[in-house]
Amino acid sequence: MKFGAFLNQYYYPESGFGVEDIVAQAELMDELGFDSATLGERHVHEEGFVEPITGLAAIAARTDLDIGTAAMLPALYDPLHLAEQVAMLDQIASGNMHFGAVIGYRERELKAFGVEIDERVERFIEAMRILTQLWEDDSPVTHHGEYYDYEDVFISPQPDSEMPIWIGGHADIAIKRAAYRGDGWIASASSTPDDLREQITTYEAAIQEFNQRRADNDVILMRDCFIAESEEAAREAVEPYLLNLYEWYERWGQTYLAEHDVGVDWETLAEKFIIGTPETAAEAFEMYDEMGVDHMLLRWQFPGQPQDTTMECIERLGDVISEFQ
């Protein structure tokens, strides 16, 4: 099983957080033997947010980690331009770029780019088709679609190696879309262990349906995680920041929370977290490994959370992950 991070990107006035904190975390991860660092995407956010393309370029320039997006919203972009940017990231990362994509759910974010929420799926599918062609085909691409129109276009340089496509989602149709159109499925941080077992079954059935090999299609699991000397210390260090983020999600209409009527309180959400001691983490990683998870993406810093305690958590996790690699 591989281990990476879904790094915090939220600027928060009280914390003094900045992009250099992300890079410092990535450098420590590199020293400790982690496999990957990923960034997500968000726009029109009052507290501010680290833009993923430039953030990943900084990480790739200063570490040997695999890098990836977990995830970006292709529907917001001109696919030709995005294909060029991601291909250059892959060049900087020596061919170790993963492109993770989702359809998006935050209407304010979509509308800012002129995308209506009821057209996001069609835009996503069309954009992904073009991106894949541009990354894989040596010959020029011609595409006349509903949203995008190109005649004999190409990118140069192309990715340094084949670009793995990760697609996120929690509904059955999104999981099947990941099996059909991608090389990996990003499971939601909001999925409970029981949810995840069912979802992995759905994903593996779809892989078989589309005549693909399970070994070529990864399950990538995002998990909110914090490790300290005791369970009490871990919860005390992270609880206000973590629950604050989930309150934001609820306000934004995060799909999973809305559909499952999930309350924003510790008792309701705790089974989705890995919060406690190194032993807590080891037990959780063993459980997810047995379920069929191939790549853990751990989120260990939340808006407003100090950098020093975060770095201590990463150090402790470095000792744990060595047992599973």
C-alpha atoms as a PDB file:
ATOM      1  CA  MET A   1       0.000   0.000   0.000  1.00  0.00           C
ATOM      2  CA  LYS A   2       1.225   3.517  -0.843  1.00  0.00           C
ATOM      3  CA  PHE A   3       0.951   6.514   1.450  1.00  0.00           C
ATOM      4  CA  GLY A   4       0.542  10.129   0.486  1.00  0.00           C
ATOM      5  CA  ALA A   5      -1.003  13.345   1.712  1.00  0.00           C
ATOM      6  CA  PHE A   6      -3.909  15.522   0.732  1.00  0.00           C
ATOM      7  CA  LEU A   7      -2.227  18.700   1.905  1.00  0.00           C
ATOM      8  CA  ASN A   8      -4.011  21.636   3.510  1.00  0.00           C
ATOM      9  CA  GLN A   9      -4.415  24.582   1.141  1.00  0.00           C
ATOM     10  CA  TYR A  10      -6.625  26.922   3.167  1.00  0.00           C
ATOM     11  CA  TYR A  11      -5.102  30.236   4.115  1.00  0.00           C
ATOM     12  CA  TYR A  12      -6.502  31.224   7.492  1.00  0.00           C
ATOM     13  CA  PRO A  13      -5.811  34.650   9.041  1.00  0.00           C
ATOM     14  CA  GLU A  14      -5.213  33.441  12.602  1.00  0.00           C
ATOM     15  CA  SER A  15      -2.806  30.631  11.687  1.00  0.00           C
ATOM     16  CA  GLY A  16      -0.186  32.475   9.656  1.00  0.00           C
ATOM     17  CA  PHE A  17      -0.350  29.619   7.161  1.00  0.00           C
ATOM     18  CA  GLY A  18       1.261  30.006   3.748  1.00  0.00           C
ATOM     19  CA  VAL A  19       2.292  27.944   0.754  1.00  0.00           C
ATOM     20  CA  GLU A  20       5.790  27.495   2.217  1.00  0.00           C
ATOM     21  CA  ASP A  21       4.199  25.397   4.989  1.00  0.00           C
ATOM     22  CA  ILE A  22       2.920  22.957   2.362  1.00  0.00           C
ATOM     23  CA  VAL A  23       6.371  22.648   0.831  1.00  0.00           C
ATOM     24  CA  ALA A  24       7.955  22.106   4.263  1.00  0.00           C
ATOM     25  CA  GLN A  25       5.492  19.282   4.950  1.00  0.00           C
ATOM     26  CA  ALA A  26       6.269  17.726   1.574  1.00  0.00           C
ATOM     27  CA  GLU A  27      10.013  17.901   2.204  1.00  0.00           C
ATOM     28  CA  LEU A  28       9.565  16.132   5.543  1.00  0.00           C
ATOM     29  CA  MET A  29       7.374  13.504   3.875  1.00  0.00           C
ATOM     30  CA  ASP A  30      10.101  12.899   1.315  1.00  0.00           C
ATOM     31  CA  GLU A  31      12.652  12.321   4.075  1.00  0.00           C
ATOM     32  CA  LEU A  32      10.337   9.894   5.887  1.00  0.00           C
ATOM     33  CA  GLY A  33       9.526   7.692   2.893  1.00  0.00           C
ATOM     34  CA  PHE A  34       6.027   8.803   1.931  1.00  0.00           C
ATOM     35  CA  ASP A  35       5.074   8.168  -1.685  1.00  0.00           C
ATOM     36  CA  SER A  36       2.989  11.124  -2.849  1.00  0.00           C
ATOM     37  CA  ALA A  37       1.657  14.611  -2.236  1.00  0.00           C
ATOM     38  CA  THR A  38      -1.613  15.847  -3.702  1.00  0.00           C
ATOM     39  CA  LEU A  39      -3.512  19.120  -3.833  1.00  0.00           C
ATOM     40  CA  GLY A  40      -7.150  19.853  -4.540  1.00  0.00           C
ATOM     41  CA  GLU A  41      -8.955  22.793  -6.103  1.00  0.00           C
ATOM     42  CA  ARG A  42     -11.265  25.472  -4.796  1.00  0.00           C
ATOM     43  CA  HIS A  43     -12.234  28.969  -5.923  1.00  0.00           C
ATOM     44  CA  VAL A  44     -13.989  32.092  -4.565  1.00  0.00           C
ATOM     45  CA  HIS A  45     -13.135  31.100  -1.024  1.00  0.00           C
ATOM     46  CA  GLU A  46     -12.977  33.986   1.445  1.00  0.00           C
ATOM     47  CA  GLU A  47     -10.054  32.686   3.508  1.00  0.00           C
ATOM     48  CA  GLY A  48      -7.922  32.021   0.433  1.00  0.00           C
ATOM     49  CA  PHE A  49      -6.635  28.822  -1.130  1.00  0.00           C
ATOM     50  CA  VAL A  50      -3.345  27.593  -2.601  1.00  0.00           C
ATOM     51  CA  GLU A  51      -3.745  27.159  -6.367  1.00  0.00           C
ATOM     52  CA  PRO A  52      -2.862  23.512  -7.180  1.00  0.00           C
ATOM     53  CA  ILE A  53      -0.834  23.761 -10.396  1.00  0.00           C
ATOM     54  CA  THR A  54       1.728  26.198  -9.042  1.00  0.00           C
ATOM     55  CA  GLY A  55       1.679  24.564  -5.608  1.00  0.00           C
ATOM     56  CA  LEU A  56       2.478  21.158  -7.092  1.00  0.00           C
ATOM     57  CA  ALA A  57       5.236  22.678  -9.232  1.00  0.00           C
ATOM     58  CA  ALA A  58       6.935  23.913  -6.055  1.00  0.00           C
ATOM     59  CA  ILE A  59       6.651  20.487  -4.424  1.00  0.00           C
ATOM     60  CA  ALA A  60       7.939  18.680  -7.511  1.00  0.00           C
ATOM     61  CA  ALA A  61      10.920  21.037  -7.739  1.00  0.00           C
ATOM     62  CA  ARG A  62      11.971  20.396  -4.132  1.00  0.00           C
ATOM     63  CA  THR A  63      11.126  16.726  -3.507  1.00  0.00           C
ATOM     64  CA  ASP A  64      11.171  13.335  -5.214  1.00  0.00           C
ATOM     65  CA  LEU A  65       7.558  12.620  -4.260  1.00  0.00           C
ATOM     66  CA  ASP A  66       4.954  11.587  -6.798  1.00  0.00           C
ATOM     67  CA  ILE A  67       2.532  14.482  -7.198  1.00  0.00           C
ATOM     68  CA  GLY A  68      -1.116  14.582  -8.081  1.00  0.00           C
ATOM     69  CA  THR A  69      -4.398  16.444  -8.045  1.00  0.00           C
ATOM     70  CA  ALA A  70      -7.071  15.140  -5.727  1.00  0.00           C
ATOM     71  CA  ALA A  71      -8.875  16.596  -7.348  1.00  0.00           C
ATOM     72  CA  MET A  72      -9.310  19.246 -10.036  1.00  0.00           C
ATOM     73  CA  LEU A  73     -12.446  20.263 -11.922  1.00  0.00           C
ATOM     74  CA  PRO A  74     -11.787  19.893 -15.682  1.00  0.00           C
ATOM     75  CA  ALA A  75     -15.153  21.445 -16.520  1.00  0.00           C
ATOM     76  CA  LEU A  76     -13.782  24.839 -15.433  1.00  0.00           C
ATOM     77  CA  TYR A  77     -10.939  24.848 -17.979  1.00  0.00           C
ATOM     78  CA  ASP A  78     -10.022  25.060 -21.596  1.00  0.00           C
ATOM     79  CA  PRO A  79      -8.797  21.435 -21.948  1.00  0.00           C
ATOM     80  CA  LEU A  80      -5.937  22.367 -24.267  1.00  0.00           C
ATOM     81  CA  HIS A  81      -4.517  24.820 -21.746  1.00  0.00           C
ATOM     82  CA  LEU A  82      -5.014  22.443 -18.811  1.00  0.00           C
ATOM     83  CA  ALA A  83      -3.388  19.590 -20.748  1.00  0.00           C
ATOM     84  CA  GLU A  84      -0.307  21.758 -21.297  1.00  0.00           C
ATOM     85  CA  GLN A  85      -0.055  22.737 -17.633  1.00  0.00           C
ATOM     86  CA  VAL A  86      -0.414  19.192 -16.332  1.00  0.00           C
ATOM     87  CA  ALA A  87       2.032  17.822 -18.905  1.00  0.00           C
ATOM     88  CA  MET A  88       4.618  20.353 -17.737  1.00  0.00           C
ATOM     89  CA  LEU A  89       4.016  19.326 -14.129  1.00  0.00           C
ATOM     90  CA  ASP A  90       4.717  15.755 -15.207  1.00  0.00           C
ATOM     91  CA  GLN A  91       7.979  16.909 -16.784  1.00  0.00           C
ATOM     92  CA  ILE A  92       9.028  18.666 -13.555  1.00  0.00           C
ATOM     93  CA  ALA A  93       8.096  15.554 -11.546  1.00  0.00           C
ATOM     94  CA  SER A  94      10.098  13.214 -13.849  1.00  0.00           C
ATOM     95  CA  GLY A  95       7.002  11.413 -15.058  1.00  0.00           C
ATOM     96  CA  ASN A  96       5.429  10.962 -11.620  1.00  0.00           C
ATOM     97  CA  MET A  97       2.261  13.031 -12.019  1.00  0.00           C
ATOM     98  CA  HIS A  98      -1.253  11.689 -11.351  1.00  0.00           C
ATOM     99  CA  PHE A  99      -4.260  13.646 -12.566  1.00  0.00           C
ATOM    100  CA  GLY A 100      -7.263  13.365 -10.276  1.00  0.00           C
ATOM    101  CA  ALA A 101     -10.571  14.854 -11.406  1.00  0.00           C
ATOM    102  CA  VAL A 102     -14.114  15.363 -10.105  1.00  0.00           C
ATOM    103  CA  ILE A 103     -17.294  16.946 -11.462  1.00  0.00           C
ATOM    104  CA  GLY A 104     -17.629  19.454  -8.591  1.00  0.00           C
ATOM    105  CA  TYR A 105     -20.601  20.231  -6.367  1.00  0.00           C
ATOM    106  CA  ARG A 106     -20.245  23.850  -5.208  1.00  0.00           C
ATOM    107  CA  GLU A 107     -22.577  25.935  -7.394  1.00  0.00           C
ATOM    108  CA  ARG A 108     -20.912  29.254  -6.568  1.00  0.00           C
ATOM    109  CA  GLU A 109     -17.609  27.854  -7.771  1.00  0.00           C
ATOM    110  CA  LEU A 110     -19.006  26.508 -11.025  1.00  0.00           C
ATOM    111  CA  LYS A 111     -20.969  29.641 -11.867  1.00  0.00           C
ATOM    112  CA  ALA A 112     -17.890  31.811 -11.424  1.00  0.00           C
ATOM    113  CA  PHE A 113     -16.492  30.049 -14.509  1.00  0.00           C
ATOM    114  CA  GLY A 114     -19.733  30.176 -16.480  1.00  0.00           C
ATOM    115  CA  VAL A 115     -20.627  26.528 -15.825  1.00  0.00           C
ATOM    116  CA  GLU A 116     -24.201  25.629 -14.886  1.00  0.00           C
ATOM    117  CA  ILE A 117     -24.498  22.881 -12.314  1.00  0.00           C
ATOM    118  CA  ASP A 118     -26.775  20.770 -14.535  1.00  0.00           C
ATOM    119  CA  GLU A 119     -24.161  20.685 -17.326  1.00  0.00           C
ATOM    120  CA  ARG A 120     -21.153  19.789 -15.160  1.00  0.00           C
ATOM    121  CA  VAL A 121     -21.253  16.040 -15.900  1.00  0.00           C
ATOM    122  CA  GLU A 122     -21.379  16.489 -19.682  1.00  0.00           C
ATOM    123  CA  ARG A 123     -18.594  19.092 -19.552  1.00  0.00           C
ATOM    124  CA  PHE A 124     -16.515  16.816 -17.347  1.00  0.00           C
ATOM    125  CA  ILE A 125     -16.842  13.838 -19.696  1.00  0.00           C
ATOM    126  CA  GLU A 126     -16.069  15.893 -22.787  1.00  0.00           C
ATOM    127  CA  ALA A 127     -13.099  17.637 -21.170  1.00  0.00           C
ATOM    128  CA  MET A 128     -11.651  14.344 -19.912  1.00  0.00           C
ATOM    129  CA  ARG A 129     -11.937  12.810 -23.374  1.00  0.00           C
ATOM    130  CA  ILE A 130      -9.935  15.692 -24.854  1.00  0.00           C
ATOM    131  CA  LEU A 131      -7.337  15.697 -22.071  1.00  0.00           C
ATOM    132  CA  THR A 132      -6.725  11.982 -22.483  1.00  0.00           C
ATOM    133  CA  GLN A 133      -6.298  12.318 -26.239  1.00  0.00           C
ATOM    134  CA  LEU A 134      -3.872  15.211 -25.898  1.00  0.00           C
ATOM    135  CA  TRP A 135      -1.759  13.340 -23.340  1.00  0.00           C
ATOM    136  CA  GLU A 136      -1.732  10.040 -25.221  1.00  0.00           C
ATOM    137  CA  ASP A 137      -1.853  10.790 -28.956  1.00  0.00           C
ATOM    138  CA  ASP A 138       1.194  11.796 -30.966  1.00  0.00           C
ATOM    139  CA  SER A 139      -0.985  12.992 -33.832  1.00  0.00           C
ATOM    140  CA  PRO A 140      -3.006  16.250 -33.725  1.00  0.00           C
ATOM    141  CA  VAL A 141      -6.435  16.106 -32.129  1.00  0.00           C
ATOM    142  CA  THR A 142      -9.588  17.320 -33.832  1.00  0.00           C
ATOM    143  CA  HIS A 143     -12.688  17.593 -31.665  1.00  0.00           C
ATOM    144  CA  HIS A 144     -16.051  19.212 -32.392  1.00  0.00           C
ATOM    145  CA  GLY A 145     -18.218  18.797 -29.326  1.00  0.00           C
ATOM    146  CA  GLU A 146     -20.997  20.491 -27.411  1.00  0.00           C
ATOM    147  CA  TYR A 147     -18.688  22.599 -25.268  1.00  0.00           C
ATOM    148  CA  TYR A 148     -15.240  22.472 -26.893  1.00  0.00           C
ATOM    149  CA  ASP A 149     -14.079  22.820 -30.491  1.00  0.00           C
ATOM    150  CA  TYR A 150     -10.543  22.117 -31.750  1.00  0.00           C
ATOM    151  CA  GLU A 151      -9.001  21.520 -35.140  1.00  0.00           C
ATOM    152  CA  ASP A 152      -5.596  19.793 -35.358  1.00  0.00           C
ATOM    153  CA  VAL A 153      -4.298  20.759 -31.902  1.00  0.00           C
ATOM    154  CA  PHE A 154      -1.550  19.128 -29.863  1.00  0.00           C
ATOM    155  CA  ILE A 155       0.628  19.780 -26.823  1.00  0.00           C
ATOM    156  CA  SER A 156       4.390  19.831 -26.719  1.00  0.00           C
ATOM    157  CA  PRO A 157       6.056  18.572 -24.698  1.00  0.00           C
ATOM    158  CA  GLN A 158       3.722  15.744 -23.847  1.00  0.00           C
ATOM    159  CA  PRO A 159       3.822  14.037 -20.442  1.00  0.00           C
ATOM    160  CA  ASP A 160       7.109  12.331 -19.640  1.00  0.00           C
ATOM    161  CA  SER A 161       5.231   9.016 -19.229  1.00  0.00           C
ATOM    162  CA  GLU A 162       1.696   7.682 -19.320  1.00  0.00           C
ATOM    163  CA  MET A 163      -0.550   9.895 -17.203  1.00  0.00           C
ATOM    164  CA  PRO A 164      -2.601   7.938 -14.626  1.00  0.00           C
ATOM    165  CA  ILE A 165      -6.149   9.295 -14.357  1.00  0.00           C
ATOM    166  CA  TRP A 166      -7.861   9.216 -10.969  1.00  0.00           C
ATOM    167  CA  ILE A 167     -11.584  10.031 -10.800  1.00  0.00           C
ATOM    168  CA  GLY A 168     -13.361  10.836  -7.571  1.00  0.00           C
ATOM    169  CA  GLY A 169     -16.939  10.244  -6.508  1.00  0.00           C
ATOM    170  CA  HIS A 170     -19.094   8.349  -4.033  1.00  0.00           C
ATOM    171  CA  ALA A 171     -22.317   7.564  -5.935  1.00  0.00           C
ATOM    172  CA  ASP A 172     -22.450   4.289  -7.868  1.00  0.00           C
ATOM    173  CA  ILE A 173     -22.562   6.089 -11.215  1.00  0.00           C
ATOM    174  CA  ALA A 174     -19.447   8.098 -10.316  1.00  0.00           C
ATOM    175  CA  ILE A 175     -17.618   4.958  -9.192  1.00  0.00           C
ATOM    176  CA  LYS A 176     -18.499   3.214 -12.463  1.00  0.00           C
ATOM    177  CA  ARG A 177     -17.367   6.307 -14.352  1.00  0.00           C
ATOM    178  CA  ALA A 178     -13.995   6.010 -12.605  1.00  0.00           C
ATOM    179  CA  ALA A 179     -13.697   2.380 -13.682  1.00  0.00           C
ATOM    180  CA  TYR A 180     -14.611   3.176 -17.289  1.00  0.00           C
ATOM    181  CA  ARG A 181     -12.691   6.402 -17.828  1.00  0.00           C
ATOM    182  CA  GLY A 182      -9.837   6.265 -15.335  1.00  0.00           C
ATOM    183  CA  ASP A 183      -6.981   4.278 -13.863  1.00  0.00           C
ATOM    184  CA  GLY A 184      -8.048   4.779 -10.258  1.00  0.00           C
ATOM    185  CA  TRP A 185     -10.990   5.758  -8.090  1.00  0.00           C
ATOM    186  CA  ILE A 186     -10.660   8.356  -5.306  1.00  0.00           C
ATOM    187  CA  ALA A 187     -12.928   7.345  -2.441  1.00  0.00           C
ATOM    188  CA  SER A 188     -14.480  10.158  -0.412  1.00  0.00           C
ATOM    189  CA  ALA A 189     -13.112  11.127   2.996  1.00  0.00           C
ATOM    190  CA  SER A 190     -16.757  11.106   4.103  1.00  0.00           C
ATOM    191  CA  SER A 191     -17.293   7.393   3.411  1.00  0.00           C
ATOM    192  CA  THR A 192     -17.583   5.171   6.476  1.00  0.00           C
ATOM    193  CA  PRO A 193     -15.721   1.829   6.514  1.00  0.00           C
ATOM    194  CA  ASP A 194     -19.002   0.047   5.744  1.00  0.00           C
ATOM    195  CA  ASP A 195     -19.673   2.444   2.862  1.00  0.00           C
ATOM    196  CA  LEU A 196     -16.187   1.828   1.546  1.00  0.00           C
ATOM    197  CA  ARG A 197     -16.545  -1.955   1.502  1.00  0.00           C
ATOM    198  CA  GLU A 198     -19.673  -1.654  -0.644  1.00  0.00           C
ATOM    199  CA  GLN A 199     -18.104   0.959  -2.886  1.00  0.00           C
ATOM    200  CA  ILE A 200     -14.981  -1.112  -3.517  1.00  0.00           C
ATOM    201  CA  THR A 201     -17.237  -4.025  -4.458  1.00  0.00           C
ATOM    202  CA  THR A 202     -19.029  -1.724  -6.924  1.00  0.00           C
ATOM    203  CA  TYR A 203     -15.725  -0.484  -8.345  1.00  0.00           C
ATOM    204  CA  GLU A 204     -14.272  -3.963  -8.793  1.00  0.00           C
ATOM    205  CA  ALA A 205     -17.463  -5.200 -10.443  1.00  0.00           C
ATOM    206  CA  ALA A 206     -17.324  -2.274 -12.876  1.00  0.00           C
ATOM    207  CA  ILE A 207     -13.675  -2.988 -13.667  1.00  0.00           C
ATOM    208  CA  GLN A 208     -14.612  -6.558 -14.518  1.00  0.00           C
ATOM    209  CA  GLU A 209     -17.603  -5.370 -16.556  1.00  0.00           C
ATOM    210  CA  PHE A 210     -15.319  -3.175 -18.669  1.00  0.00           C
ATOM    211  CA  ASN A 211     -12.820  -6.027 -19.167  1.00  0.00           C
ATOM    212  CA  GLN A 212     -10.035  -4.358 -17.218  1.00  0.00           C
ATOM    213  CA  ARG A 213      -7.521  -5.740 -14.726  1.00  0.00           C
ATOM    214  CA  ARG A 214      -7.907  -4.876 -11.042  1.00  0.00           C
ATOM    215  CA  ALA A 215      -4.108  -4.623 -10.772  1.00  0.00           C
ATOM    216  CA  ASP A 216      -4.186  -1.709 -13.234  1.00  0.00           C
ATOM    217  CA  ASN A 217      -6.883   0.233 -11.368  1.00  0.00           C
ATOM    218  CA  ASP A 218      -6.153   1.662  -7.941  1.00  0.00           C
ATOM    219  CA  VAL A 219      -8.440   2.440  -5.024  1.00  0.00           C
ATOM    220  CA  ILE A 220      -7.263   5.739  -3.532  1.00  0.00           C
ATOM    221  CA  LEU A 221      -8.718   6.535  -0.112  1.00  0.00           C
ATOM    222  CA  MET A 222      -8.735   9.988   1.453  1.00  0.00           C
ATOM    223  CA  ARG A 223      -8.770   9.978   5.251  1.00  0.00           C
ATOM    224  CA  ASP A 224      -8.660  12.746   7.833  1.00  0.00           C
ATOM    225  CA  CYS A 225      -5.888  11.718  10.195  1.00  0.00           C
ATOM    226  CA  PHE A 226      -4.001  13.013  13.218  1.00  0.00           C
ATOM    227  CA  ILE A 227      -1.613  11.077  15.440  1.00  0.00           C
ATOM    228  CA  ALA A 228      -0.293  12.118  18.858  1.00  0.00           C
ATOM    229  CA  GLU A 229       0.996  10.487  22.066  1.00  0.00           C
ATOM    230  CA  SER A 230      -2.538   9.647  23.187  1.00  0.00           C
ATOM    231  CA  GLU A 231      -6.035   9.603  21.740  1.00  0.00           C
ATOM    232  CA  GLU A 232      -7.027  12.470  24.017  1.00  0.00           C
ATOM    233  CA  ALA A 233      -4.092  14.604  22.897  1.00  0.00           C
ATOM    234  CA  ALA A 234      -4.810  13.895  19.228  1.00  0.00           C
ATOM    235  CA  ARG A 235      -8.460  14.853  19.543  1.00  0.00           C
ATOM    236  CA  GLU A 236      -7.661  17.986  21.523  1.00  0.00           C
ATOM    237  CA  ALA A 237      -5.080  19.078  18.930  1.00  0.00           C
ATOM    238  CA  VAL A 238      -7.314  18.701  15.894  1.00  0.00           C
ATOM    239  CA  GLU A 239     -11.021  18.683  16.830  1.00  0.00           C
ATOM    240  CA  PRO A 240     -11.917  22.398  16.515  1.00  0.00           C
ATOM    241  CA  TYR A 241     -10.151  22.757  13.177  1.00  0.00           C
ATOM    242  CA  LEU A 242     -11.508  19.535  11.720  1.00  0.00           C
ATOM    243  CA  LEU A 243     -15.117  20.165  12.717  1.00  0.00           C
ATOM    244  CA  ASN A 244     -14.877  23.732  11.434  1.00  0.00           C
ATOM    245  CA  LEU A 245     -13.949  22.382   7.997  1.00  0.00           C
ATOM    246  CA  TYR A 246     -16.940  20.022   8.017  1.00  0.00           C
ATOM    247  CA  GLU A 247     -19.180  22.965   8.936  1.00  0.00           C
ATOM    248  CA  TRP A 248     -17.888  24.664   5.792  1.00  0.00           C
ATOM    249  CA  TYR A 249     -18.699  21.539   3.800  1.00  0.00           C
ATOM    250  CA  GLU A 250     -22.235  21.510   5.174  1.00  0.00           C
ATOM    251  CA  ARG A 251     -22.684  25.189   4.287  1.00  0.00           C
ATOM    252  CA  TRP A 252     -21.412  24.574   0.751  1.00  0.00           C
ATOM    253  CA  GLY A 253     -23.839  21.670   0.228  1.00  0.00           C
ATOM    254  CA  GLN A 254     -21.250  18.882   0.118  1.00  0.00           C
ATOM    255  CA  THR A 255     -23.078  16.086  -1.669  1.00  0.00           C
ATOM    256  CA  TYR A 256     -22.354  13.209   0.689  1.00  0.00           C
ATOM    257  CA  LEU A 257     -23.306  15.110   3.838  1.00  0.00           C
ATOM    258  CA  ALA A 258     -26.548  16.331   2.274  1.00  0.00           C
ATOM    259  CA  GLU A 259     -27.617  12.945   0.888  1.00  0.00           C
ATOM    260  CA  HIS A 260     -26.859  11.032   4.106  1.00  0.00           C
ATOM    261  CA  ASP A 261     -28.020  13.714   6.568  1.00  0.00           C
ATOM    262  CA  VAL A 262     -24.669  13.558   8.361  1.00  0.00           C
ATOM    263  CA  GLY A 263     -24.408  15.832  11.385  1.00  0.00           C
ATOM    264  CA  VAL A 264     -21.326  17.921  12.038  1.00  0.00           C
ATOM    265  CA  ASP A 265     -20.325  16.565  15.436  1.00  0.00           C
ATOM    266  CA  TRP A 266     -17.467  14.361  16.577  1.00  0.00           C
ATOM    267  CA  GLU A 267     -19.539  11.285  17.433  1.00  0.00           C
ATOM    268  CA  THR A 268     -21.246  11.226  14.034  1.00  0.00           C
ATOM    269  CA  LEU A 269     -18.049  11.703  12.049  1.00  0.00           C
ATOM    270  CA  ALA A 270     -15.461   9.863  14.159  1.00  0.00           C
ATOM    271  CA  GLU A 271     -15.640   6.523  12.317  1.00  0.00           C
ATOM    272  CA  LYS A 272     -14.446   8.321   9.179  1.00  0.00           C
ATOM    273  CA  PHE A 273     -11.312   9.626  10.926  1.00  0.00           C
ATOM    274  CA  ILE A 274      -7.988   8.109  11.954  1.00  0.00           C
ATOM    275  CA  ILE A 275      -7.431  10.069  15.164  1.00  0.00           C
ATOM    276  CA  GLY A 276      -5.328   8.696  18.002  1.00  0.00           C
ATOM    277  CA  THR A 277      -1.982   7.037  18.579  1.00  0.00           C
ATOM    278  CA  PRO A 278       0.447   5.314  16.188  1.00  0.00           C
ATOM    279  CA  GLU A 279      -1.281   2.068  17.136  1.00  0.00           C
ATOM    280  CA  THR A 280      -4.614   3.567  16.052  1.00  0.00           C
ATOM    281  CA  ALA A 281      -3.133   4.400  12.671  1.00  0.00           C
ATOM    282  CA  ALA A 282      -1.540   0.974  12.236  1.00  0.00           C
ATOM    283  CA  GLU A 283      -4.841  -0.782  12.946  1.00  0.00           C
ATOM    284  CA  ALA A 284      -6.697   1.452  10.502  1.00  0.00           C
ATOM    285  CA  PHE A 285      -4.113   0.991   7.749  1.00  0.00           C
ATOM    286  CA  GLU A 286      -4.278  -2.780   8.198  1.00  0.00           C
ATOM    287  CA  MET A 287      -8.075  -2.701   7.902  1.00  0.00           C
ATOM    288  CA  TYR A 288      -8.003  -0.595   4.738  1.00  0.00           C
ATOM    289  CA  ASP A 289      -5.242  -2.710   3.241  1.00  0.00           C
ATOM    290  CA  GLU A 290      -7.381  -5.820   3.728  1.00  0.00           C
ATOM    291  CA  MET A 291     -10.356  -4.031   2.103  1.00  0.00           C
ATOM    292  CA  GLY A 292      -8.334  -3.480  -1.045  1.00  0.00           C
ATOM    293  CA  VAL A 293      -7.156   0.126  -0.696  1.00  0.00           C
ATOM    294  CA  ASP A 294      -4.014   0.679  -2.768  1.00  0.00           C
ATOM    295  CA  HIS A 295      -3.124   4.264  -1.891  1.00  0.00           C
ATOM    296  CA  MET A 296      -3.910   6.240   1.272  1.00  0.00           C
ATOM    297  CA  LEU A 297      -4.106  10.023   1.026  1.00  0.00           C
ATOM    298  CA  LEU A 298      -3.953  11.405   4.558  1.00  0.00           C
ATOM    299  CA  ARG A 299      -5.162  14.887   5.443  1.00  0.00           C
ATOM    300  CA  TRP A 300      -3.480  15.933   8.688  1.00  0.00           C
ATOM    301  CA  GLN A 301      -3.835  19.714   8.750  1.00  0.00           C
ATOM    302  CA  PHE A 302      -7.085  21.676   8.726  1.00  0.00           C
ATOM    303  CA  PRO A 303      -7.803  25.413   8.373  1.00  0.00           C
ATOM    304  CA  GLY A 304      -6.261  27.323  11.267  1.00  0.00           C
ATOM    305  CA  GLN A 305      -4.283  24.370  12.640  1.00  0.00           C
ATOM    306  CA  PRO A 306      -0.685  25.210  13.647  1.00  0.00           C
ATOM    307  CA  GLN A 307       2.257  24.001  11.584  1.00  0.00           C
ATOM    308  CA  ASP A 308       4.358  22.721  14.505  1.00  0.00           C
ATOM    309  CA  THR A 309       1.846  20.117  15.726  1.00  0.00           C
ATOM    310  CA  THR A 310       1.239  19.089  12.111  1.00  0.00           C
ATOM    311  CA  MET A 311       4.925  18.383  11.571  1.00  0.00           C
ATOM    312  CA  GLU A 312       4.991  16.277  14.752  1.00  0.00           C
ATOM    313  CA  CYS A 313       2.069  14.243  13.411  1.00  0.00           C
ATOM    314  CA  ILE A 314       3.878  13.631  10.118  1.00  0.00           C
ATOM    315  CA  GLU A 315       6.963  12.422  12.024  1.00  0.00           C
ATOM    316  CA  ARG A 316       4.885   9.884  13.952  1.00  0.00           C
ATOM    317  CA  LEU A 317       3.133   8.686  10.823  1.00  0.00           C
ATOM    318  CA  GLY A 318       6.474   8.181   9.101  1.00  0.00           C
ATOM    319  CA  ASP A 319       7.311   5.491  11.643  1.00  0.00           C
ATOM    320  CA  VAL A 320       3.949   3.771  11.107  1.00  0.00           C
ATOM    321  CA  ILE A 321       3.901   3.670   7.310  1.00  0.00           C
ATOM    322  CA  SER A 322       7.262   1.939   7.079  1.00  0.00           C
ATOM    323  CA  GLU A 323       5.556  -1.233   8.314  1.00  0.00           C
ATOM    324  CA  PHE A 324       3.183  -1.299   5.335  1.00  0.00           C
ATOM    325  CA  GLN A 325       5.467  -0.430   2.425  1.00  0.00           C
END
